[in-house]
Amino acid sequence: MFTFFRRSADPIAVSEAHTPERKAARPLLATHLPRGAAMPSQSYIALCREGFARNPIAHRCVRLIAESAASVPLRSSDARAAKLLARGVPGRSAVETLESFYGYLQLGGNGFLETVLSGDAPIALIAHRPDTLKMGRDAKGQATGWTQAVGPNTRRFPRDTATGACALFHMRLFNPLDECDGLSPLSAAAQAVALHNRGSVWAKALLENSARPSGALVHDPASGERLTDEQFERLKSELENNFTGPHAAGRPLVLEGGLDWRSISLSPTDMDFIELRREAAREIALAFGVPPMLLGIPGDNSYANYREANQAFWRQTIIPLAAKTARGLQGWLAGFYGEGVEITPDLDAVPALAEERAVLWKRLSEARFISDGEARQMAGLSCQSDEVAP
């Protein structure tokens, strides 16, 4: 789209007063891009809109982490806890609940789960949006509970200051500035998201301008003619209405006397803009812990192949997240089922790790210096005694 420099009283206009030598002034009409880019807000809603809803890289990272982590089954030695983890509320499965929980965790740095009770017994879990919950703090800054406001309804989840027990499960990502509130990867990648989004806007604007940089209309005062205010406004209106957009590509421009068209080519900085956008995409992926190769970002050679990148993603991002969730739920559900409850992620049910398990089992089966019980323990299976009963 065409925008114009002012004809006079403009600090960037070309005039005799701003040139070191006295030369004939050349009134100028030119296109330009807006200077600067507004930094995105760090609020949860703004991050979701700009990062998840409008940025394909961040969107894919959040979905990839949430869906992968939710696919890891959580097992329990307690039958009641196992049933709770496998059961969803009406209209939503347990996997969808965990997917929402992990997604909220990546977007807001905080994840919340609440039990659906039948009497005093929990029968299912539901996930809550982190922006609907407000934390209460004591004089030392420690959490005393949460208040949830959804429309006109308000609910309170107090926290026992002695035991830390609460009807609401809260898990956060590490935040060096707050012991109770988490910091999301999307917040850390906000600048890269803003740069990547601005690149999309720039590319769209370039496409709408006939997919090429525009130019400038230069008036030559030697022609003896000068543009009046009426002529200037009319020319500006004609350029905006008739010579911008893809429908006007290749349309000839009829110039009046004293006007000359000069094309403006892309500078080396503009030519490097595509690579800058790719670097922003890589920064977004790295903030989430997703190898850029899994997102199809060109130019990333951190891993020899896709298989290595996928294994690194599971080992460095998904498994630690699933293990952290299992340990957190274990401590929280101990208040309902007692201290003997144990919750662990079932990594044997993860197809992405099947090849690694096959290699491990082959090595253990060929080892002659360990017992069967030791091999089972190293494989993560329940141990059995090697002694034969009389």
Protein backbone atom coordinates (compact mmCIF):
# COMPACT_ATOMS: atom_id res chain seq x y z
CA MET A 1 0.00 0.00 0.00
CA PHE A 2 1.22 3.48 -0.85
CA THR A 3 1.96 5.96 1.93
CA PHE A 4 3.50 9.34 1.39
CA PHE A 5 5.98 11.74 2.85
CA ARG A 6 4.62 15.20 3.55
CA ARG A 7 5.38 17.91 1.07
CA SER A 8 6.60 20.41 3.68
CA ALA A 9 7.21 20.91 7.41
CA ASP A 10 8.39 17.31 7.69
CA PRO A 11 11.75 16.38 9.30
CA ILE A 12 12.35 13.68 6.72
CA ALA A 13 11.19 15.61 3.66
CA VAL A 14 13.78 16.49 1.08
CA SER A 15 14.30 20.28 1.10
CA GLU A 16 16.98 22.88 0.75
CA ALA A 17 17.05 23.54 4.49
CA HIS A 18 18.21 19.99 5.20
CA THR A 19 20.95 19.65 2.58
CA PRO A 20 24.52 20.76 3.18
CA GLU A 21 24.74 22.23 -0.33
CA ARG A 22 22.27 24.40 -2.17
CA LYS A 23 20.60 22.20 -4.72
CA ALA A 24 17.29 22.32 -6.46
CA ALA A 25 14.58 20.74 -4.32
CA ARG A 26 12.91 17.61 -5.67
CA PRO A 27 9.48 17.09 -4.06
CA LEU A 28 9.10 13.38 -3.43
CA LEU A 29 6.27 10.86 -3.16
CA ALA A 30 7.41 7.51 -1.77
CA THR A 31 6.25 4.33 -0.12
CA HIS A 32 7.64 3.32 3.25
CA LEU A 33 7.14 0.75 6.00
CA PRO A 34 6.10 1.76 9.54
CA ARG A 35 9.05 2.13 11.86
CA GLY A 36 9.38 -0.15 14.85
CA ALA A 37 7.18 -2.94 16.14
CA ALA A 38 5.11 -2.78 19.29
CA MET A 39 6.17 -5.33 21.89
CA PRO A 40 3.46 -7.86 22.74
CA SER A 41 1.72 -7.72 26.08
CA GLN A 42 2.72 -10.37 28.62
CA SER A 43 -0.86 -11.02 29.74
CA TYR A 44 -2.19 -14.54 29.29
CA ILE A 45 -4.89 -13.52 26.80
CA ALA A 46 -2.45 -11.45 24.71
CA LEU A 47 0.09 -14.28 24.62
CA CYS A 48 -2.60 -16.73 23.52
CA ARG A 49 -3.84 -14.43 20.76
CA GLU A 50 -0.47 -13.35 19.39
CA GLY A 51 1.42 -16.58 20.07
CA PHE A 52 -0.98 -19.50 19.84
CA ALA A 53 -3.75 -18.12 17.61
CA ARG A 54 -1.63 -16.11 15.13
CA ASN A 55 1.81 -17.71 15.10
CA PRO A 56 2.06 -21.12 13.39
CA ILE A 57 5.39 -22.02 15.03
CA ALA A 58 4.25 -21.41 18.61
CA HIS A 59 0.88 -22.98 17.83
CA ARG A 60 2.51 -26.17 16.61
CA CYS A 61 4.96 -26.28 19.54
CA VAL A 62 2.17 -26.04 22.12
CA ARG A 63 0.04 -28.67 20.38
CA LEU A 64 3.00 -31.01 19.85
CA ILE A 65 3.99 -30.88 23.53
CA ALA A 66 0.43 -31.09 24.88
CA GLU A 67 -0.65 -33.96 22.63
CA SER A 68 2.59 -35.92 23.11
CA ALA A 69 2.65 -35.55 26.90
CA ALA A 70 -1.05 -36.42 27.18
CA SER A 71 -0.43 -39.63 25.20
CA VAL A 72 1.86 -40.93 27.98
CA PRO A 73 -0.38 -43.02 30.30
CA LEU A 74 -0.09 -42.38 34.04
CA ARG A 75 -0.14 -45.62 36.03
CA SER A 76 -0.80 -46.08 39.74
CA SER A 77 -0.33 -48.88 42.21
CA ASP A 78 -3.60 -47.83 43.83
CA ALA A 79 -6.69 -49.05 41.98
CA ARG A 80 -8.71 -45.98 42.97
CA ALA A 81 -6.06 -43.57 41.72
CA ALA A 82 -5.62 -45.58 38.51
CA LYS A 83 -9.35 -45.37 37.84
CA LEU A 84 -9.33 -41.62 38.53
CA LEU A 85 -6.47 -41.01 36.07
CA ALA A 86 -8.17 -43.04 33.33
CA ARG A 87 -11.63 -41.51 33.66
CA GLY A 88 -12.82 -38.28 32.10
CA VAL A 89 -15.82 -36.10 32.75
CA PRO A 90 -18.89 -36.48 30.48
CA GLY A 91 -18.07 -35.22 27.01
CA ARG A 92 -14.30 -35.21 27.58
CA SER A 93 -11.81 -38.06 27.96
CA ALA A 94 -8.98 -38.19 30.47
CA VAL A 95 -6.49 -37.67 27.60
CA GLU A 96 -8.26 -34.45 26.56
CA THR A 97 -8.16 -33.22 30.15
CA LEU A 98 -4.42 -33.81 30.39
CA GLU A 99 -3.93 -32.24 26.95
CA SER A 100 -5.66 -29.06 28.18
CA PHE A 101 -3.58 -29.14 31.36
CA TYR A 102 -0.29 -29.39 29.44
CA GLY A 103 -1.42 -26.77 26.94
CA TYR A 104 -2.28 -24.28 29.70
CA LEU A 105 1.08 -25.00 31.27
CA GLN A 106 2.94 -24.07 28.07
CA LEU A 107 0.85 -20.97 27.42
CA GLY A 108 0.62 -19.54 30.92
CA GLY A 109 3.35 -21.28 32.91
CA ASN A 110 0.72 -22.66 35.31
CA GLY A 111 -1.51 -25.73 35.14
CA PHE A 112 -4.50 -26.50 37.39
CA LEU A 113 -6.49 -29.69 37.95
CA GLU A 114 -9.54 -30.18 40.15
CA THR A 115 -11.19 -33.40 41.25
CA VAL A 116 -14.84 -34.11 40.58
CA LEU A 117 -16.14 -35.57 43.83
CA SER A 118 -18.80 -38.17 44.46
CA GLY A 119 -19.35 -37.62 48.15
CA ASP A 120 -15.78 -37.43 49.48
CA ALA A 121 -14.27 -39.66 46.79
CA PRO A 122 -12.71 -38.13 43.64
CA ILE A 123 -13.99 -39.76 40.47
CA ALA A 124 -12.54 -37.57 37.64
CA LEU A 125 -10.23 -34.66 36.89
CA ILE A 126 -10.95 -31.38 35.11
CA ALA A 127 -8.47 -28.72 33.95
CA HIS A 128 -8.94 -24.99 34.53
CA ARG A 129 -7.72 -22.00 32.56
CA PRO A 130 -4.93 -20.30 34.52
CA ASP A 131 -6.26 -16.80 33.85
CA THR A 132 -9.50 -17.59 35.72
CA LEU A 133 -7.61 -18.27 38.97
CA LYS A 134 -6.12 -15.59 41.17
CA MET A 135 -3.59 -16.56 43.83
CA GLY A 136 -3.86 -15.34 47.39
CA ARG A 137 -0.63 -14.70 49.28
CA ASP A 138 0.39 -14.26 52.91
CA ALA A 139 2.80 -11.71 54.32
CA LYS A 140 5.76 -13.83 53.16
CA GLY A 141 4.48 -14.09 49.62
CA GLN A 142 3.50 -17.75 49.90
CA ALA A 143 0.29 -19.03 48.31
CA THR A 144 -2.68 -19.30 50.66
CA GLY A 145 -5.12 -20.54 48.03
CA TRP A 146 -6.84 -19.53 44.82
CA THR A 147 -10.01 -17.70 43.88
CA GLN A 148 -11.71 -18.59 40.60
CA ALA A 149 -13.96 -16.10 38.87
CA VAL A 150 -15.96 -17.28 35.84
CA GLY A 151 -18.61 -14.77 34.92
CA PRO A 152 -20.70 -13.90 37.97
CA ASN A 153 -19.65 -17.06 39.81
CA THR A 154 -16.78 -17.11 42.31
CA ARG A 155 -15.20 -20.16 43.93
CA ARG A 156 -12.43 -20.40 46.52
CA PHE A 157 -9.80 -23.09 46.95
CA PRO A 158 -8.09 -22.50 50.30
CA ARG A 159 -4.72 -24.09 51.00
CA ASP A 160 -3.82 -25.64 54.33
CA THR A 161 -0.84 -23.64 55.53
CA ALA A 162 0.42 -26.52 57.68
CA THR A 163 0.22 -29.43 55.21
CA GLY A 164 -0.11 -27.57 51.90
CA ALA A 165 -3.18 -29.66 51.04
CA CYS A 166 -5.67 -28.10 48.62
CA ALA A 167 -8.62 -29.28 46.57
CA LEU A 168 -6.86 -27.75 43.55
CA PHE A 169 -3.69 -29.22 42.03
CA HIS A 170 -1.25 -26.55 40.86
CA MET A 171 1.89 -27.20 38.82
CA ARG A 172 4.14 -24.43 37.57
CA LEU A 173 7.14 -24.04 35.33
CA PHE A 174 10.28 -22.61 36.90
CA ASN A 175 10.23 -18.86 37.43
CA PRO A 176 13.34 -17.27 38.98
CA LEU A 177 11.36 -14.16 39.97
CA ASP A 178 8.43 -15.84 41.72
CA GLU A 179 8.30 -18.93 43.94
CA CYS A 180 4.58 -19.48 43.42
CA ASP A 181 3.80 -18.33 39.88
CA GLY A 182 5.22 -20.03 36.77
CA LEU A 183 6.88 -18.55 33.68
CA SER A 184 5.74 -19.91 30.33
CA PRO A 185 7.97 -20.66 27.33
CA LEU A 186 5.67 -18.47 25.25
CA SER A 187 6.46 -15.51 27.47
CA ALA A 188 10.19 -16.11 27.01
CA ALA A 189 9.70 -16.30 23.24
CA ALA A 190 7.46 -13.22 23.04
CA GLN A 191 10.01 -11.08 21.16
CA ALA A 192 10.69 -13.83 18.62
CA VAL A 193 6.93 -14.32 18.19
CA ALA A 194 6.47 -10.59 17.59
CA LEU A 195 9.27 -10.56 15.01
CA HIS A 196 7.89 -13.63 13.23
CA ASN A 197 4.38 -12.17 13.15
CA ARG A 198 5.65 -8.85 11.83
CA GLY A 199 7.44 -10.77 9.11
CA SER A 200 4.12 -12.32 8.06
CA VAL A 201 2.50 -8.88 7.95
CA TRP A 202 5.43 -7.53 5.90
CA ALA A 203 5.23 -10.42 3.42
CA LYS A 204 1.47 -9.98 3.05
CA ALA A 205 1.86 -6.24 2.47
CA LEU A 206 4.54 -6.90 -0.14
CA LEU A 207 2.28 -9.40 -1.92
CA GLU A 208 -0.60 -6.94 -1.93
CA ASN A 209 1.74 -4.39 -3.47
CA SER A 210 2.21 -6.51 -6.62
CA ALA A 211 4.75 -8.73 -4.82
CA ARG A 212 7.55 -6.23 -5.34
CA PRO A 213 8.93 -3.16 -3.58
CA SER A 214 7.43 0.09 -4.78
CA GLY A 215 9.18 3.23 -5.83
CA ALA A 216 9.04 7.01 -5.78
CA LEU A 217 7.59 9.72 -7.95
CA VAL A 218 10.20 12.47 -8.31
CA HIS A 219 9.23 15.92 -9.54
CA ASP A 220 11.79 17.78 -11.61
CA PRO A 221 11.52 21.55 -10.99
CA ALA A 222 13.50 22.17 -14.21
CA SER A 223 10.34 21.34 -16.10
CA GLY A 224 8.93 24.67 -14.98
CA GLU A 225 5.87 23.07 -13.37
CA ARG A 226 5.09 22.52 -9.71
CA LEU A 227 2.43 20.35 -8.10
CA THR A 228 -0.34 22.25 -6.41
CA ASP A 229 -1.95 20.94 -3.25
CA GLU A 230 -4.95 19.81 -5.28
CA GLN A 231 -2.76 17.98 -7.79
CA PHE A 232 -0.77 16.35 -4.97
CA GLU A 233 -3.88 15.01 -3.25
CA ARG A 234 -5.39 13.82 -6.55
CA LEU A 235 -2.20 11.96 -7.49
CA LYS A 236 -2.00 10.41 -4.05
CA SER A 237 -5.61 9.20 -4.29
CA GLU A 238 -5.10 7.76 -7.78
CA LEU A 239 -2.00 5.81 -6.71
CA GLU A 240 -3.73 4.34 -3.66
CA ASN A 241 -6.92 3.39 -5.50
CA ASN A 242 -5.63 2.28 -8.89
CA PHE A 243 -2.05 1.07 -8.52
CA THR A 244 -1.90 -0.93 -5.27
CA GLY A 245 -2.88 -4.53 -4.60
CA PRO A 246 -2.45 -7.73 -6.61
CA HIS A 247 -5.26 -6.77 -9.00
CA ALA A 248 -3.20 -3.78 -10.16
CA ALA A 249 -0.03 -5.74 -10.93
CA GLY A 250 1.54 -4.60 -14.21
CA ARG A 251 -0.92 -1.73 -14.73
CA PRO A 252 0.79 1.15 -16.57
CA LEU A 253 1.24 4.44 -14.75
CA VAL A 254 0.51 7.61 -16.73
CA LEU A 255 2.62 10.48 -15.43
CA GLU A 256 2.00 14.18 -15.77
CA GLY A 257 4.61 16.64 -16.90
CA GLY A 258 7.62 17.01 -14.63
CA LEU A 259 7.13 13.62 -12.87
CA ASP A 260 9.53 10.70 -13.12
CA TRP A 261 9.10 7.17 -11.64
CA ARG A 262 12.07 5.63 -9.91
CA SER A 263 11.89 2.04 -8.69
CA ILE A 264 13.23 1.22 -5.23
CA SER A 265 15.01 -2.12 -5.04
CA LEU A 266 15.38 -4.28 -1.96
CA SER A 267 18.39 -3.42 0.16
CA PRO A 268 20.70 -6.15 1.55
CA THR A 269 18.93 -5.69 4.90
CA ASP A 270 15.55 -6.38 3.29
CA MET A 271 16.93 -9.38 1.42
CA ASP A 272 18.09 -10.85 4.75
CA PHE A 273 14.63 -10.43 6.29
CA ILE A 274 13.55 -13.97 5.34
CA GLU A 275 16.56 -15.45 7.14
CA LEU A 276 15.83 -13.25 10.14
CA ARG A 277 12.32 -14.65 10.25
CA ARG A 278 13.68 -18.19 10.15
CA GLU A 279 15.96 -17.40 13.08
CA ALA A 280 12.92 -16.12 14.99
CA ALA A 281 11.14 -19.41 14.25
CA ARG A 282 14.13 -21.35 15.58
CA GLU A 283 14.16 -19.25 18.77
CA ILE A 284 10.47 -19.98 19.34
CA ALA A 285 11.02 -23.72 18.89
CA LEU A 286 14.03 -23.76 21.20
CA ALA A 287 12.13 -21.87 23.91
CA PHE A 288 9.56 -24.67 23.95
CA GLY A 289 12.18 -27.42 23.78
CA VAL A 290 11.09 -28.63 20.34
CA PRO A 291 13.86 -29.45 17.84
CA PRO A 292 13.36 -27.12 14.84
CA MET A 293 13.76 -30.09 12.50
CA LEU A 294 10.43 -31.49 13.75
CA LEU A 295 8.71 -28.29 12.62
CA GLY A 296 10.19 -28.31 9.13
CA ILE A 297 12.28 -25.19 9.72
CA PRO A 298 15.00 -25.15 7.02
CA GLY A 299 18.67 -24.71 7.83
CA ASP A 300 18.71 -26.61 11.13
CA ASN A 301 21.42 -29.27 11.27
CA SER A 302 21.51 -29.96 15.01
CA TYR A 303 20.52 -33.59 14.47
CA ALA A 304 21.64 -36.09 11.86
CA ASN A 305 18.09 -37.09 10.97
CA TYR A 306 14.45 -36.78 11.95
CA ARG A 307 14.60 -39.89 14.15
CA GLU A 308 17.34 -38.45 16.36
CA ALA A 309 15.46 -35.16 16.65
CA ASN A 310 12.27 -36.98 17.67
CA GLN A 311 14.08 -39.05 20.30
CA ALA A 312 15.73 -35.91 21.70
CA PHE A 313 12.30 -34.24 21.88
CA TRP A 314 10.87 -37.11 23.90
CA ARG A 315 13.89 -37.56 26.15
CA GLN A 316 14.54 -33.89 26.87
CA THR A 317 11.04 -32.39 26.82
CA ILE A 318 8.15 -34.86 27.05
CA ILE A 319 9.46 -37.47 29.49
CA PRO A 320 10.66 -34.90 32.10
CA LEU A 321 7.30 -33.13 31.82
CA ALA A 322 5.31 -36.36 32.25
CA ALA A 323 7.53 -37.46 35.17
CA LYS A 324 7.14 -34.08 36.89
CA THR A 325 3.36 -34.28 36.50
CA ALA A 326 3.26 -37.82 37.88
CA ARG A 327 5.28 -36.88 40.97
CA GLY A 328 3.12 -33.81 41.55
CA LEU A 329 -0.12 -35.77 41.25
CA GLN A 330 1.28 -38.44 43.55
CA GLY A 331 1.84 -35.93 46.34
CA TRP A 332 -1.53 -34.27 45.75
CA LEU A 333 -3.60 -37.48 45.60
CA ALA A 334 -1.89 -38.76 48.76
CA GLY A 335 -4.29 -36.45 50.60
CA PHE A 336 -7.19 -38.51 49.22
CA TYR A 337 -5.76 -42.04 49.12
CA GLY A 338 -2.98 -42.02 51.71
CA GLU A 339 0.79 -41.86 51.50
CA GLY A 340 1.10 -45.29 49.92
CA VAL A 341 -0.20 -44.16 46.53
CA GLU A 342 2.36 -44.19 43.71
CA ILE A 343 1.97 -42.65 40.23
CA THR A 344 4.45 -43.14 37.40
CA PRO A 345 4.45 -42.48 33.63
CA ASP A 346 4.18 -45.69 31.59
CA LEU A 347 7.02 -45.20 29.13
CA ASP A 348 6.62 -48.71 27.74
CA ALA A 349 3.37 -47.55 26.14
CA VAL A 350 5.13 -44.78 24.17
CA PRO A 351 5.60 -45.86 20.53
CA ALA A 352 8.35 -43.28 19.97
CA LEU A 353 10.57 -45.10 22.48
CA ALA A 354 9.96 -48.62 21.14
CA GLU A 355 13.24 -48.73 19.22
CA GLU A 356 15.26 -47.66 22.27
CA ARG A 357 13.54 -50.34 24.39
CA ALA A 358 14.27 -53.02 21.81
CA VAL A 359 17.98 -52.10 21.81
CA LEU A 360 18.08 -52.11 25.63
CA TRP A 361 16.37 -55.49 25.93
CA LYS A 362 18.72 -56.99 23.37
CA ARG A 363 21.76 -55.75 25.31
CA LEU A 364 20.38 -57.06 28.61
CA SER A 365 19.49 -60.45 27.16
CA GLU A 366 23.04 -60.86 25.84
CA ALA A 367 24.70 -59.77 29.09
CA ARG A 368 26.17 -62.78 30.93
CA PHE A 369 27.40 -61.00 34.05
CA ILE A 370 24.02 -59.92 35.50
CA SER A 371 21.13 -61.94 36.90
CA ASP A 372 17.62 -62.01 35.50
CA GLY A 373 16.40 -59.90 38.41
CA GLU A 374 19.04 -57.24 37.77
CA ALA A 375 18.18 -57.23 34.08
CA ARG A 376 14.50 -56.73 34.85
CA GLN A 377 15.34 -53.89 37.21
CA MET A 378 17.52 -52.18 34.59
CA ALA A 379 14.70 -52.59 32.07
CA GLY A 380 12.29 -50.88 34.46
CA LEU A 381 10.25 -53.99 35.17
CA SER A 382 9.22 -55.42 38.51
CA CYS A 383 11.99 -57.46 40.09
CA GLN A 384 11.64 -61.17 40.77
CA SER A 385 13.91 -63.29 42.89
CA ASP A 386 16.42 -65.47 41.10
CA GLU A 387 16.26 -68.06 43.84
CA VAL A 388 14.38 -71.22 43.06
CA ALA A 389 11.89 -72.27 45.69
CA PRO A 390 12.65 -75.69 47.21
